[in-house]
Amino acid sequence: MSAPPKTVLVATPEEEAAIRAAVRAARGHTVAGPEHVEGLTALLADPQVSDPIYDLPRPITRENVAKWVADSEALRQEGRCILSVSFDEAGKIAGYTRFTVWPERSSAELAGARRADLQNSGAGRQGVASGIAWMFEYLGVRLIGLTAALDNVRSAKAIDGAGFIRKGEVESVRPDGTVRRSLYWELTQDQWVKRHRL
């Protein structure tokens, strides 16, 4: 998505400050740094991993991934983004998650991928659910918007399964300026609490 959700919320100054502080702290996540560029480049060089994701740096090169990691870290320092990595049992990068946050709107989005050999195991759905819970409970946002390519059935199932409400389609703009039609969902913190706490 990398654009704020359609629904516009306005955070109080205190709420915005708390969200920014939580993003900067990134508790519970391994924040991607220069030491992860090689592993991320290898992960994203696989079209099975990167093709469905419109907002990755293209082409997938070490230089572009290094810039993406550095830009993400600069945004984290502003309280707007967390790029995190996860590892397999051998210590290799198994996936990434990128949380983009609009603190002034108490809103966020989640994007990410797992290595192709780890897909279709159900871990993606579990990862989406964990990420959503963390965004609502730890970051303190009140709204999450998500997108998926029209033909990305796997992501659509995971998003639907997490309780998101379909809100139609949007035009997602890639970093190179091209546009992709995407399915669009939203979920509020109240909706999530009702679904997962009752």
N, C-alpha and C. Protein backbone atom coordinates (compact mmCIF):
# COMPACT_ATOMS: atom_id res chain seq x y z
N MET A 1 0.84 -1.17 0.00
CA MET A 1 0.00 0.00 0.00
C MET A 1 0.88 1.24 0.00
N SER A 2 1.66 1.43 1.04
CA SER A 2 2.56 2.57 1.18
C SER A 2 1.88 3.91 0.94
N ALA A 3 0.63 3.96 1.18
CA ALA A 3 -0.16 5.19 1.24
C ALA A 3 -1.11 5.00 2.41
N PRO A 4 -1.45 6.07 3.11
CA PRO A 4 -2.32 5.89 4.28
C PRO A 4 -3.64 5.23 3.92
N PRO A 5 -4.25 4.55 4.88
CA PRO A 5 -5.55 3.95 4.63
C PRO A 5 -6.58 4.97 4.17
N LYS A 6 -7.63 4.47 3.50
CA LYS A 6 -8.70 5.35 3.02
C LYS A 6 -9.39 6.05 4.19
N THR A 7 -9.65 5.30 5.24
CA THR A 7 -10.30 5.87 6.42
C THR A 7 -9.31 6.78 7.12
N VAL A 8 -9.75 7.99 7.44
CA VAL A 8 -8.87 8.98 8.06
C VAL A 8 -9.19 9.09 9.55
N LEU A 9 -8.22 8.75 10.36
CA LEU A 9 -8.30 8.96 11.80
C LEU A 9 -7.34 10.09 12.16
N VAL A 10 -7.60 10.76 13.26
CA VAL A 10 -6.70 11.81 13.73
C VAL A 10 -6.26 11.43 15.14
N ALA A 11 -4.95 11.28 15.29
CA ALA A 11 -4.39 10.92 16.60
C ALA A 11 -4.25 12.17 17.46
N THR A 12 -4.41 11.99 18.75
CA THR A 12 -4.08 13.09 19.66
C THR A 12 -2.56 13.25 19.66
N PRO A 13 -2.06 14.40 20.09
CA PRO A 13 -0.60 14.56 20.16
C PRO A 13 0.06 13.50 21.04
N GLU A 14 -0.59 13.12 22.13
CA GLU A 14 -0.04 12.11 23.04
C GLU A 14 -0.01 10.73 22.37
N GLU A 15 -1.10 10.40 21.67
CA GLU A 15 -1.17 9.13 20.96
C GLU A 15 -0.10 9.06 19.87
N GLU A 16 0.03 10.13 19.11
CA GLU A 16 1.05 10.17 18.05
C GLU A 16 2.44 9.99 18.63
N ALA A 17 2.74 10.68 19.73
CA ALA A 17 4.07 10.57 20.35
C ALA A 17 4.33 9.16 20.85
N ALA A 18 3.31 8.52 21.42
CA ALA A 18 3.48 7.15 21.93
C ALA A 18 3.73 6.17 20.78
N ILE A 19 3.03 6.33 19.67
CA ILE A 19 3.23 5.46 18.51
C ILE A 19 4.64 5.64 17.97
N ARG A 20 5.07 6.89 17.83
CA ARG A 20 6.44 7.15 17.32
C ARG A 20 7.48 6.50 18.23
N ALA A 21 7.30 6.63 19.52
CA ALA A 21 8.26 6.03 20.47
C ALA A 21 8.29 4.51 20.34
N ALA A 22 7.12 3.90 20.18
CA ALA A 22 7.06 2.44 20.02
C ALA A 22 7.73 1.99 18.74
N VAL A 23 7.54 2.75 17.66
CA VAL A 23 8.20 2.41 16.39
C VAL A 23 9.71 2.51 16.55
N ARG A 24 10.18 3.57 17.16
CA ARG A 24 11.63 3.73 17.35
C ARG A 24 12.22 2.58 18.16
N ALA A 25 11.48 2.13 19.18
CA ALA A 25 11.98 1.05 20.03
C ALA A 25 11.93 -0.31 19.34
N ALA A 26 10.91 -0.54 18.52
CA ALA A 26 10.77 -1.79 17.74
C ALA A 26 10.95 -3.03 18.59
N ARG A 27 10.40 -3.00 19.78
CA ARG A 27 10.54 -4.11 20.72
C ARG A 27 10.07 -5.43 20.10
N GLY A 28 10.88 -6.47 20.28
CA GLY A 28 10.50 -7.80 19.81
C GLY A 28 10.83 -8.09 18.36
N HIS A 29 11.50 -7.17 17.69
CA HIS A 29 11.84 -7.36 16.28
C HIS A 29 13.32 -7.13 16.04
N THR A 30 13.89 -7.88 15.11
CA THR A 30 15.27 -7.64 14.69
C THR A 30 15.22 -6.62 13.56
N VAL A 31 15.63 -5.40 13.84
CA VAL A 31 15.59 -4.34 12.84
C VAL A 31 16.68 -4.58 11.80
N ALA A 32 16.29 -4.51 10.53
CA ALA A 32 17.25 -4.74 9.44
C ALA A 32 18.30 -3.63 9.43
N GLY A 33 19.54 -4.05 9.28
CA GLY A 33 20.65 -3.11 9.21
C GLY A 33 21.59 -3.51 8.09
N PRO A 34 22.71 -2.82 7.96
CA PRO A 34 23.66 -3.12 6.89
C PRO A 34 24.12 -4.58 6.88
N GLU A 35 24.16 -5.20 8.05
CA GLU A 35 24.60 -6.59 8.15
C GLU A 35 23.60 -7.57 7.55
N HIS A 36 22.40 -7.10 7.21
CA HIS A 36 21.36 -7.96 6.65
C HIS A 36 21.16 -7.76 5.14
N VAL A 37 21.89 -6.83 4.55
CA VAL A 37 21.67 -6.49 3.13
C VAL A 37 21.89 -7.69 2.22
N GLU A 38 22.97 -8.43 2.43
CA GLU A 38 23.25 -9.59 1.56
C GLU A 38 22.13 -10.62 1.64
N GLY A 39 21.70 -10.94 2.87
CA GLY A 39 20.65 -11.92 3.05
C GLY A 39 19.31 -11.46 2.48
N LEU A 40 18.99 -10.18 2.66
CA LEU A 40 17.76 -9.64 2.08
C LEU A 40 17.81 -9.64 0.56
N THR A 41 18.97 -9.32 0.01
CA THR A 41 19.12 -9.33 -1.45
C THR A 41 18.90 -10.74 -1.99
N ALA A 42 19.47 -11.72 -1.33
CA ALA A 42 19.27 -13.12 -1.76
C ALA A 42 17.80 -13.51 -1.65
N LEU A 43 17.16 -13.13 -0.56
CA LEU A 43 15.74 -13.43 -0.37
C LEU A 43 14.89 -12.81 -1.48
N LEU A 44 15.10 -11.54 -1.73
CA LEU A 44 14.24 -10.81 -2.66
C LEU A 44 14.60 -11.06 -4.13
N ALA A 45 15.77 -11.62 -4.39
CA ALA A 45 16.15 -11.94 -5.78
C ALA A 45 15.30 -13.07 -6.35
N ASP A 46 14.64 -13.83 -5.48
CA ASP A 46 13.77 -14.92 -5.92
C ASP A 46 12.43 -14.34 -6.33
N PRO A 47 12.06 -14.46 -7.62
CA PRO A 47 10.78 -13.91 -8.08
C PRO A 47 9.57 -14.48 -7.35
N GLN A 48 9.67 -15.73 -6.86
CA GLN A 48 8.56 -16.30 -6.10
C GLN A 48 8.29 -15.51 -4.82
N VAL A 49 9.32 -14.87 -4.32
CA VAL A 49 9.20 -14.06 -3.11
C VAL A 49 8.81 -12.63 -3.46
N SER A 50 9.51 -12.02 -4.40
CA SER A 50 9.38 -10.59 -4.63
C SER A 50 8.34 -10.16 -5.66
N ASP A 51 8.02 -11.01 -6.63
CA ASP A 51 7.11 -10.57 -7.70
C ASP A 51 5.76 -10.07 -7.20
N PRO A 52 5.13 -10.71 -6.21
CA PRO A 52 3.81 -10.22 -5.78
C PRO A 52 3.85 -8.90 -4.99
N ILE A 53 5.04 -8.43 -4.63
CA ILE A 53 5.16 -7.27 -3.74
C ILE A 53 5.54 -6.05 -4.57
N TYR A 54 4.62 -5.09 -4.63
CA TYR A 54 4.80 -3.96 -5.54
C TYR A 54 5.74 -2.88 -5.03
N ASP A 55 5.93 -2.77 -3.72
CA ASP A 55 6.68 -1.61 -3.21
C ASP A 55 8.13 -1.91 -2.83
N LEU A 56 8.67 -3.00 -3.37
CA LEU A 56 10.08 -3.30 -3.14
C LEU A 56 10.95 -2.48 -4.09
N PRO A 57 12.21 -2.25 -3.71
CA PRO A 57 13.10 -1.53 -4.61
C PRO A 57 13.42 -2.38 -5.84
N ARG A 58 13.30 -1.82 -7.00
CA ARG A 58 13.57 -2.55 -8.26
C ARG A 58 14.61 -1.80 -9.05
N PRO A 59 15.45 -2.50 -9.78
CA PRO A 59 15.63 -3.95 -9.72
C PRO A 59 16.21 -4.37 -8.37
N ILE A 60 16.07 -5.65 -8.07
CA ILE A 60 16.60 -6.16 -6.80
C ILE A 60 18.11 -6.31 -6.97
N THR A 61 18.83 -5.33 -6.46
CA THR A 61 20.29 -5.36 -6.47
C THR A 61 20.77 -5.08 -5.05
N ARG A 62 22.01 -5.41 -4.78
CA ARG A 62 22.57 -5.13 -3.46
C ARG A 62 22.47 -3.65 -3.14
N GLU A 63 22.78 -2.80 -4.11
CA GLU A 63 22.75 -1.35 -3.90
C GLU A 63 21.34 -0.86 -3.57
N ASN A 64 20.35 -1.34 -4.33
CA ASN A 64 18.97 -0.90 -4.09
C ASN A 64 18.45 -1.42 -2.75
N VAL A 65 18.81 -2.64 -2.39
CA VAL A 65 18.38 -3.17 -1.11
C VAL A 65 19.08 -2.42 0.03
N ALA A 66 20.36 -2.09 -0.13
CA ALA A 66 21.08 -1.33 0.89
C ALA A 66 20.42 0.04 1.11
N LYS A 67 20.02 0.68 0.02
CA LYS A 67 19.33 1.98 0.13
C LYS A 67 17.98 1.82 0.82
N TRP A 68 17.24 0.76 0.49
CA TRP A 68 15.94 0.48 1.10
C TRP A 68 16.10 0.28 2.61
N VAL A 69 17.12 -0.48 3.00
CA VAL A 69 17.38 -0.71 4.42
C VAL A 69 17.73 0.61 5.11
N ALA A 70 18.60 1.42 4.50
CA ALA A 70 18.98 2.70 5.10
C ALA A 70 17.80 3.66 5.17
N ASP A 71 17.01 3.73 4.10
CA ASP A 71 15.82 4.60 4.10
C ASP A 71 14.83 4.16 5.17
N SER A 72 14.65 2.85 5.31
CA SER A 72 13.73 2.32 6.32
C SER A 72 14.21 2.69 7.73
N GLU A 73 15.52 2.62 7.94
CA GLU A 73 16.05 2.98 9.26
C GLU A 73 15.86 4.47 9.54
N ALA A 74 16.06 5.31 8.53
CA ALA A 74 15.83 6.75 8.71
C ALA A 74 14.37 7.01 9.07
N LEU A 75 13.46 6.30 8.43
CA LEU A 75 12.04 6.44 8.74
C LEU A 75 11.72 5.91 10.14
N ARG A 76 12.43 4.86 10.57
CA ARG A 76 12.22 4.35 11.93
C ARG A 76 12.60 5.41 12.95
N GLN A 77 13.68 6.12 12.70
CA GLN A 77 14.10 7.17 13.62
C GLN A 77 13.06 8.30 13.69
N GLU A 78 12.25 8.45 12.64
CA GLU A 78 11.15 9.42 12.64
C GLU A 78 9.88 8.83 13.26
N GLY A 79 9.91 7.52 13.57
CA GLY A 79 8.74 6.86 14.12
C GLY A 79 7.72 6.48 13.06
N ARG A 80 8.18 6.17 11.82
CA ARG A 80 7.28 5.91 10.71
C ARG A 80 7.42 4.54 10.06
N CYS A 81 8.43 3.76 10.39
CA CYS A 81 8.66 2.51 9.66
C CYS A 81 9.54 1.58 10.49
N ILE A 82 9.27 0.28 10.36
CA ILE A 82 10.16 -0.74 10.91
C ILE A 82 10.36 -1.78 9.82
N LEU A 83 11.59 -1.99 9.42
CA LEU A 83 11.94 -3.09 8.52
C LEU A 83 12.65 -4.12 9.38
N SER A 84 12.02 -5.28 9.52
CA SER A 84 12.60 -6.32 10.38
C SER A 84 12.86 -7.58 9.57
N VAL A 85 13.73 -8.40 10.10
CA VAL A 85 14.08 -9.66 9.45
C VAL A 85 13.86 -10.80 10.43
N SER A 86 13.60 -11.99 9.85
CA SER A 86 13.51 -13.21 10.65
C SER A 86 14.48 -14.23 10.07
N PHE A 87 14.83 -15.21 10.88
CA PHE A 87 15.88 -16.15 10.50
C PHE A 87 15.38 -17.58 10.60
N ASP A 88 16.02 -18.47 9.81
CA ASP A 88 15.73 -19.89 9.92
C ASP A 88 16.65 -20.50 10.97
N GLU A 89 16.56 -21.80 11.15
CA GLU A 89 17.36 -22.47 12.19
C GLU A 89 18.86 -22.39 11.91
N ALA A 90 19.23 -22.21 10.64
CA ALA A 90 20.65 -22.10 10.28
C ALA A 90 21.17 -20.68 10.38
N GLY A 91 20.30 -19.74 10.75
CA GLY A 91 20.72 -18.35 10.89
C GLY A 91 20.63 -17.54 9.61
N LYS A 92 20.06 -18.12 8.55
CA LYS A 92 19.88 -17.38 7.30
C LYS A 92 18.56 -16.63 7.34
N ILE A 93 18.50 -15.52 6.60
CA ILE A 93 17.26 -14.74 6.57
C ILE A 93 16.16 -15.58 5.93
N ALA A 94 15.07 -15.72 6.68
CA ALA A 94 13.93 -16.52 6.23
C ALA A 94 12.80 -15.65 5.72
N GLY A 95 12.80 -14.37 6.11
CA GLY A 95 11.73 -13.48 5.68
C GLY A 95 11.97 -12.07 6.18
N TYR A 96 11.08 -11.20 5.75
CA TYR A 96 11.13 -9.82 6.22
C TYR A 96 9.71 -9.34 6.47
N THR A 97 9.60 -8.34 7.31
CA THR A 97 8.33 -7.65 7.55
C THR A 97 8.64 -6.16 7.55
N ARG A 98 7.79 -5.40 6.86
CA ARG A 98 7.94 -3.94 6.87
C ARG A 98 6.64 -3.33 7.36
N PHE A 99 6.72 -2.65 8.49
CA PHE A 99 5.60 -1.94 9.07
C PHE A 99 5.74 -0.47 8.66
N THR A 100 4.77 0.05 7.94
CA THR A 100 4.75 1.47 7.60
C THR A 100 3.67 2.10 8.46
N VAL A 101 4.01 3.20 9.12
CA VAL A 101 3.13 3.78 10.13
C VAL A 101 2.90 5.25 9.84
N TRP A 102 1.66 5.68 10.04
CA TRP A 102 1.27 7.08 9.97
C TRP A 102 0.82 7.48 11.37
N PRO A 103 1.77 7.85 12.24
CA PRO A 103 1.44 8.11 13.66
C PRO A 103 0.38 9.18 13.83
N GLU A 104 0.40 10.21 12.99
CA GLU A 104 -0.57 11.29 13.10
C GLU A 104 -1.99 10.84 12.78
N ARG A 105 -2.11 9.66 12.16
CA ARG A 105 -3.41 9.10 11.81
C ARG A 105 -3.71 7.80 12.58
N SER A 106 -2.84 7.43 13.50
CA SER A 106 -2.97 6.19 14.28
C SER A 106 -3.24 5.01 13.35
N SER A 107 -2.52 4.97 12.24
CA SER A 107 -2.75 3.97 11.19
C SER A 107 -1.43 3.36 10.74
N ALA A 108 -1.55 2.16 10.17
CA ALA A 108 -0.35 1.46 9.71
C ALA A 108 -0.71 0.45 8.63
N GLU A 109 0.33 -0.08 8.02
CA GLU A 109 0.20 -1.20 7.09
C GLU A 109 1.32 -2.19 7.38
N LEU A 110 1.17 -3.37 6.83
CA LEU A 110 2.11 -4.45 7.03
C LEU A 110 2.40 -5.07 5.67
N ALA A 111 3.66 -5.28 5.36
CA ALA A 111 4.05 -5.99 4.15
C ALA A 111 5.16 -6.95 4.53
N GLY A 112 5.30 -8.00 3.76
CA GLY A 112 6.38 -8.93 4.08
C GLY A 112 6.33 -10.16 3.21
N ALA A 113 7.35 -10.99 3.39
CA ALA A 113 7.43 -12.23 2.62
C ALA A 113 8.35 -13.20 3.33
N ARG A 114 8.13 -14.48 3.01
CA ARG A 114 8.98 -15.55 3.50
C ARG A 114 9.67 -16.20 2.32
N ARG A 115 10.80 -16.81 2.60
CA ARG A 115 11.55 -17.52 1.57
C ARG A 115 10.64 -18.56 0.91
N ALA A 116 10.82 -18.80 -0.37
CA ALA A 116 9.93 -19.68 -1.14
C ALA A 116 9.84 -21.08 -0.54
N ASP A 117 10.95 -21.62 -0.04
CA ASP A 117 10.91 -22.97 0.51
C ASP A 117 10.17 -23.05 1.84
N LEU A 118 9.83 -21.91 2.41
CA LEU A 118 9.10 -21.88 3.68
C LEU A 118 7.63 -21.50 3.50
N GLN A 119 7.25 -21.21 2.27
CA GLN A 119 5.86 -20.81 2.00
C GLN A 119 4.95 -22.03 1.99
N ASN A 120 3.66 -21.76 2.06
CA ASN A 120 2.61 -22.80 2.05
C ASN A 120 2.67 -23.72 3.26
N SER A 121 3.20 -23.22 4.35
CA SER A 121 3.28 -24.03 5.57
C SER A 121 2.28 -23.57 6.62
N GLY A 122 1.55 -22.49 6.33
CA GLY A 122 0.64 -21.91 7.30
C GLY A 122 1.30 -20.86 8.17
N ALA A 123 2.62 -20.77 8.09
CA ALA A 123 3.34 -19.80 8.92
C ALA A 123 3.05 -18.37 8.48
N GLY A 124 2.73 -18.17 7.21
CA GLY A 124 2.41 -16.84 6.72
C GLY A 124 1.17 -16.28 7.39
N ARG A 125 0.14 -17.11 7.49
CA ARG A 125 -1.09 -16.68 8.18
C ARG A 125 -0.81 -16.39 9.65
N GLN A 126 -0.02 -17.25 10.26
CA GLN A 126 0.34 -17.03 11.66
C GLN A 126 1.14 -15.74 11.80
N GLY A 127 2.04 -15.48 10.84
CA GLY A 127 2.83 -14.26 10.86
C GLY A 127 1.98 -13.01 10.71
N VAL A 128 0.99 -13.08 9.81
CA VAL A 128 0.07 -11.94 9.64
C VAL A 128 -0.66 -11.69 10.96
N ALA A 129 -1.21 -12.74 11.55
CA ALA A 129 -1.95 -12.59 12.80
C ALA A 129 -1.07 -12.02 13.91
N SER A 130 0.17 -12.51 14.02
CA SER A 130 1.09 -12.00 15.04
C SER A 130 1.44 -10.54 14.80
N GLY A 131 1.68 -10.22 13.53
CA GLY A 131 2.01 -8.83 13.18
C GLY A 131 0.88 -7.88 13.48
N ILE A 132 -0.34 -8.30 13.18
CA ILE A 132 -1.51 -7.46 13.44
C ILE A 132 -1.67 -7.24 14.94
N ALA A 133 -1.57 -8.32 15.71
CA ALA A 133 -1.69 -8.20 17.17
C ALA A 133 -0.63 -7.25 17.70
N TRP A 134 0.59 -7.38 17.22
CA TRP A 134 1.68 -6.53 17.70
C TRP A 134 1.42 -5.07 17.35
N MET A 135 0.92 -4.80 16.17
CA MET A 135 0.66 -3.42 15.75
C MET A 135 -0.41 -2.77 16.62
N PHE A 136 -1.47 -3.52 16.92
CA PHE A 136 -2.53 -2.96 17.76
C PHE A 136 -2.10 -2.87 19.23
N GLU A 137 -1.47 -3.93 19.74
CA GLU A 137 -1.16 -3.97 21.16
C GLU A 137 0.10 -3.20 21.53
N TYR A 138 1.14 -3.31 20.74
CA TYR A 138 2.40 -2.66 21.09
C TYR A 138 2.53 -1.28 20.47
N LEU A 139 2.34 -1.18 19.14
CA LEU A 139 2.46 0.14 18.50
C LEU A 139 1.32 1.05 18.93
N GLY A 140 0.15 0.47 19.17
CA GLY A 140 -0.98 1.26 19.62
C GLY A 140 -1.77 1.95 18.53
N VAL A 141 -1.60 1.51 17.27
CA VAL A 141 -2.39 2.11 16.20
C VAL A 141 -3.84 1.64 16.32
N ARG A 142 -4.76 2.41 15.74
CA ARG A 142 -6.19 2.06 15.79
C ARG A 142 -6.74 1.55 14.47
N LEU A 143 -5.94 1.61 13.40
CA LEU A 143 -6.42 1.19 12.08
C LEU A 143 -5.25 0.62 11.28
N ILE A 144 -5.51 -0.50 10.60
CA ILE A 144 -4.53 -1.09 9.70
C ILE A 144 -5.19 -1.27 8.35
N GLY A 145 -4.50 -0.83 7.29
CA GLY A 145 -4.95 -1.04 5.92
C GLY A 145 -3.96 -1.95 5.21
N LEU A 146 -4.47 -2.88 4.41
CA LEU A 146 -3.61 -3.81 3.68
C LEU A 146 -4.06 -3.91 2.23
N THR A 147 -3.12 -4.21 1.36
CA THR A 147 -3.42 -4.45 -0.05
C THR A 147 -2.78 -5.76 -0.49
N ALA A 148 -3.30 -6.30 -1.58
CA ALA A 148 -2.70 -7.47 -2.23
C ALA A 148 -3.04 -7.38 -3.71
N ALA A 149 -2.14 -7.87 -4.54
CA ALA A 149 -2.40 -7.91 -5.98
C ALA A 149 -3.69 -8.69 -6.23
N LEU A 150 -4.39 -8.33 -7.29
CA LEU A 150 -5.67 -8.96 -7.61
C LEU A 150 -5.54 -10.47 -7.74
N ASP A 151 -4.37 -10.95 -8.19
CA ASP A 151 -4.18 -12.39 -8.40
C ASP A 151 -3.41 -13.07 -7.26
N ASN A 152 -3.19 -12.37 -6.16
CA ASN A 152 -2.43 -12.94 -5.04
C ASN A 152 -3.39 -13.63 -4.07
N VAL A 153 -3.79 -14.82 -4.45
CA VAL A 153 -4.79 -15.58 -3.70
C VAL A 153 -4.28 -15.92 -2.30
N ARG A 154 -3.02 -16.28 -2.17
CA ARG A 154 -2.47 -16.67 -0.87
C ARG A 154 -2.56 -15.53 0.14
N SER A 155 -2.13 -14.33 -0.28
CA SER A 155 -2.21 -13.18 0.64
C SER A 155 -3.66 -12.83 0.96
N ALA A 156 -4.52 -12.88 -0.07
CA ALA A 156 -5.94 -12.55 0.16
C ALA A 156 -6.56 -13.48 1.20
N LYS A 157 -6.23 -14.77 1.13
CA LYS A 157 -6.76 -15.72 2.11
C LYS A 157 -6.25 -15.41 3.51
N ALA A 158 -4.98 -15.06 3.62
CA ALA A 158 -4.41 -14.74 4.93
C ALA A 158 -5.05 -13.48 5.50
N ILE A 159 -5.26 -12.47 4.65
CA ILE A 159 -5.84 -11.21 5.12
C ILE A 159 -7.30 -11.42 5.51
N ASP A 160 -8.06 -12.12 4.67
CA ASP A 160 -9.45 -12.42 5.01
C ASP A 160 -9.51 -13.22 6.31
N GLY A 161 -8.61 -14.20 6.44
CA GLY A 161 -8.60 -15.05 7.62
C GLY A 161 -8.27 -14.31 8.90
N ALA A 162 -7.56 -13.19 8.77
CA ALA A 162 -7.22 -12.39 9.94
C ALA A 162 -8.37 -11.47 10.35
N GLY A 163 -9.45 -11.48 9.57
CA GLY A 163 -10.62 -10.69 9.96
C GLY A 163 -10.74 -9.33 9.31
N PHE A 164 -9.87 -9.03 8.36
CA PHE A 164 -9.94 -7.73 7.68
C PHE A 164 -11.20 -7.64 6.84
N ILE A 165 -11.72 -6.43 6.69
CA ILE A 165 -12.92 -6.16 5.92
C ILE A 165 -12.51 -5.63 4.55
N ARG A 166 -12.98 -6.32 3.50
CA ARG A 166 -12.67 -5.86 2.14
C ARG A 166 -13.37 -4.54 1.87
N LYS A 167 -12.59 -3.63 1.29
CA LYS A 167 -13.09 -2.28 1.00
C LYS A 167 -12.96 -1.95 -0.47
N GLY A 168 -12.90 -2.98 -1.34
CA GLY A 168 -12.82 -2.73 -2.77
C GLY A 168 -11.40 -2.82 -3.29
N GLU A 169 -11.10 -1.95 -4.23
CA GLU A 169 -9.79 -1.92 -4.87
C GLU A 169 -9.20 -0.52 -4.78
N VAL A 170 -7.87 -0.47 -4.85
CA VAL A 170 -7.13 0.79 -4.89
C VAL A 170 -6.04 0.67 -5.95
N GLU A 171 -5.50 1.80 -6.34
CA GLU A 171 -4.34 1.81 -7.21
C GLU A 171 -3.11 1.99 -6.34
N SER A 172 -2.25 0.98 -6.33
CA SER A 172 -1.01 1.03 -5.57
C SER A 172 0.09 1.52 -6.49
N VAL A 173 0.83 2.52 -6.05
CA VAL A 173 1.89 3.12 -6.87
C VAL A 173 3.22 2.52 -6.46
N ARG A 174 3.91 1.94 -7.45
CA ARG A 174 5.24 1.37 -7.20
C ARG A 174 6.28 2.48 -7.09
N PRO A 175 7.44 2.16 -6.51
CA PRO A 175 8.50 3.17 -6.40
C PRO A 175 8.90 3.77 -7.75
N ASP A 176 8.74 3.01 -8.85
CA ASP A 176 9.11 3.55 -10.17
C ASP A 176 7.99 4.37 -10.80
N GLY A 177 6.86 4.54 -10.07
CA GLY A 177 5.76 5.34 -10.57
C GLY A 177 4.66 4.57 -11.29
N THR A 178 4.90 3.31 -11.62
CA THR A 178 3.86 2.52 -12.27
C THR A 178 2.78 2.15 -11.25
N VAL A 179 1.61 1.80 -11.76
CA VAL A 179 0.46 1.55 -10.90
C VAL A 179 0.02 0.10 -11.00
N ARG A 180 -0.40 -0.46 -9.86
CA ARG A 180 -0.94 -1.80 -9.81
C ARG A 180 -2.29 -1.74 -9.12
N ARG A 181 -3.32 -2.33 -9.74
CA ARG A 181 -4.61 -2.45 -9.08
C ARG A 181 -4.46 -3.49 -7.97
N SER A 182 -5.01 -3.17 -6.81
CA SER A 182 -4.87 -4.03 -5.65
C SER A 182 -6.19 -4.17 -4.93
N LEU A 183 -6.42 -5.34 -4.35
CA LEU A 183 -7.51 -5.50 -3.40
C LEU A 183 -7.14 -4.72 -2.15
N TYR A 184 -8.14 -4.22 -1.45
CA TYR A 184 -7.87 -3.36 -0.29
C TYR A 184 -8.75 -3.78 0.88
N TRP A 185 -8.14 -3.85 2.07
CA TRP A 185 -8.83 -4.21 3.32
C TRP A 185 -8.47 -3.22 4.41
N GLU A 186 -9.37 -3.13 5.40
CA GLU A 186 -9.09 -2.39 6.62
C GLU A 186 -9.55 -3.20 7.82
N LEU A 187 -8.92 -2.93 8.95
CA LEU A 187 -9.32 -3.53 10.22
C LEU A 187 -9.03 -2.51 11.31
N THR A 188 -10.04 -2.24 12.15
CA THR A 188 -9.83 -1.34 13.28
C THR A 188 -9.42 -2.13 14.50
N GLN A 189 -8.84 -1.43 15.44
CA GLN A 189 -8.46 -2.08 16.69
C GLN A 189 -9.69 -2.65 17.39
N ASP A 190 -10.80 -1.92 17.39
CA ASP A 190 -12.02 -2.41 18.03
C ASP A 190 -12.52 -3.69 17.37
N GLN A 191 -12.49 -3.75 16.03
CA GLN A 191 -12.91 -4.97 15.33
C GLN A 191 -12.00 -6.14 15.68
N TRP A 192 -10.70 -5.88 15.75
CA TRP A 192 -9.76 -6.93 16.08
C TRP A 192 -9.99 -7.45 17.50
N VAL A 193 -10.20 -6.53 18.45
CA VAL A 193 -10.43 -6.93 19.84
C VAL A 193 -11.69 -7.79 19.93
N LYS A 194 -12.77 -7.38 19.26
CA LYS A 194 -14.01 -8.16 19.30
C LYS A 194 -13.79 -9.56 18.74
N ARG A 195 -13.01 -9.66 17.67
CA ARG A 195 -12.80 -10.95 17.02
C ARG A 195 -11.87 -11.86 17.83
N HIS A 196 -10.86 -11.30 18.47
CA HIS A 196 -9.81 -12.11 19.09
C HIS A 196 -9.87 -12.17 20.61
N ARG A 197 -10.70 -11.38 21.22
CA ARG A 197 -10.72 -11.37 22.68
C ARG A 197 -12.01 -11.91 23.27
N LEU A 198 -12.97 -12.22 22.44
CA LEU A 198 -14.25 -12.73 22.98
C LEU A 198 -14.26 -14.23 23.02
